[in-house]
Structure formats: C-alpha cells, structure tokens
Amino acid sequence: MTLKASGFVPGEQVRISFQDTSPQMEVDLRDVFAGPDGSFVAEVKVPKDRGDGFEDPKFRAWSVVDVDSNTTADTPFTYID
C-alpha cells in the first residue's frame, strides 16, 4: 500500500505505525524522512487481519523527533477480502 502525507517539517523523521483496536495493538512499520516540502510517500505492508470483526484499524504517521507535536496523520483503513 502507498501512503502519502504532508505538513511535516522538511527533513523530519516520521514513523509510520498501524493501529488496531481489537485487540489493542500498534505495530511500527517503518521510518521515513519528510522531503523538502514536508511531505513523504512510502510503501508499507498491511498487517494480517485479526479476523474478529471488531477492528477499527488505521495507519498513523507521527514525528519521531517531537512526539508531543500535533503533527500526525491518521488514516482509517478497511480490510476487504
């Protein structure tokens, strides 16, 4: 899957995670660096579906350098067969 995000500081290290709420889990997928315009494009693999039907999965991109910043991007995700 390809993720695109913007609004980060140029050169900022950004961590891409995958969150699911059933059961609660967060998996770090990879780190990338924002380009000169504060955006990035990254290929990621979607973790396997847990299969219990109560998922609320999403990808999360956030600053590794400033974890308390408001610079995050959350993207809901739906599993399909």
Protein backbone atom coordinates (compact mmCIF):
# COMPACT_ATOMS: atom_id res chain seq x y z
CA MET A 1 0.00 0.00 0.00
CA THR A 2 1.22 3.53 -0.69
CA LEU A 3 0.83 6.22 1.97
CA LYS A 4 1.18 9.92 1.24
CA ALA A 5 1.25 12.64 3.90
CA SER A 6 2.28 16.27 4.19
CA GLY A 7 2.56 19.01 6.80
CA PHE A 8 5.75 17.78 8.43
CA VAL A 9 8.95 19.81 8.87
CA PRO A 10 11.32 19.33 5.91
CA GLY A 11 13.79 16.54 6.77
CA GLU A 12 11.74 15.45 9.82
CA GLN A 13 11.89 11.77 10.76
CA VAL A 14 8.38 10.32 10.61
CA ARG A 15 7.32 6.92 11.98
CA ILE A 16 4.54 5.01 10.25
CA SER A 17 2.54 2.71 12.54
CA PHE A 18 -0.52 0.52 12.13
CA GLN A 19 -3.10 0.55 14.93
CA ASP A 20 -5.97 -1.83 15.54
CA THR A 21 -8.43 -1.72 18.41
CA SER A 22 -9.45 -5.35 18.68
CA PRO A 23 -7.31 -6.39 20.43
CA GLN A 24 -5.48 -3.14 21.09
CA MET A 25 -2.19 -3.16 19.21
CA GLU A 26 0.18 -0.80 17.47
CA VAL A 27 2.87 -2.05 15.12
CA ASP A 28 5.67 0.24 13.92
CA LEU A 29 6.09 -0.40 10.20
CA ARG A 30 8.90 1.91 9.15
CA ASP A 31 10.51 5.33 9.47
CA VAL A 32 10.79 7.83 6.62
CA PHE A 33 12.05 11.39 6.25
CA ALA A 34 9.87 14.25 5.05
CA GLY A 35 11.08 15.81 1.81
CA PRO A 36 11.93 19.48 1.21
CA ASP A 37 8.22 20.33 1.05
CA GLY A 38 7.38 18.47 4.32
CA SER A 39 5.69 15.55 2.60
CA PHE A 40 6.51 11.88 2.06
CA VAL A 41 5.37 8.90 0.03
CA ALA A 42 6.04 5.43 1.45
CA GLU A 43 5.23 1.83 0.61
CA VAL A 44 4.01 -0.25 3.58
CA LYS A 45 2.62 -3.74 4.08
CA VAL A 46 -0.72 -4.09 5.82
CA PRO A 47 -0.51 -6.41 8.85
CA LYS A 48 -2.69 -9.51 8.64
CA ASP A 49 -6.35 -9.12 9.66
CA ARG A 50 -7.06 -10.49 13.13
CA GLY A 51 -10.42 -11.69 11.84
CA ASP A 52 -12.63 -10.97 14.85
CA GLY A 53 -14.83 -8.46 13.02
CA PHE A 54 -14.47 -5.64 15.54
CA GLU A 55 -11.43 -3.92 14.09
CA ASP A 56 -11.01 -0.18 13.82
CA PRO A 57 -7.65 -0.19 12.00
CA LYS A 58 -5.73 2.88 10.88
CA PHE A 59 -2.32 3.95 9.77
CA ARG A 60 -0.60 6.62 11.86
CA ALA A 61 2.30 8.86 10.81
CA TRP A 62 3.96 10.91 13.53
CA SER A 63 7.12 12.85 14.32
CA VAL A 64 9.86 10.77 15.94
CA VAL A 65 11.80 13.87 16.97
CA ASP A 66 8.88 15.76 18.55
CA VAL A 67 6.45 13.11 19.83
CA ASP A 68 4.37 15.76 21.62
CA SER A 69 3.79 17.78 18.46
CA ASN A 70 0.42 17.92 16.79
CA THR A 71 1.96 16.82 13.51
CA THR A 72 0.30 13.47 12.98
CA ALA A 73 -1.74 11.91 10.21
CA ASP A 74 -4.26 9.15 10.90
CA THR A 75 -5.84 7.23 8.03
CA PRO A 76 -8.70 4.78 8.66
CA PHE A 77 -8.33 1.50 6.82
CA THR A 78 -10.85 -1.21 5.93
CA TYR A 79 -9.96 -4.84 5.32
CA ILE A 80 -11.56 -6.38 2.26
CA ASP A 81 -11.44 -9.99 1.09
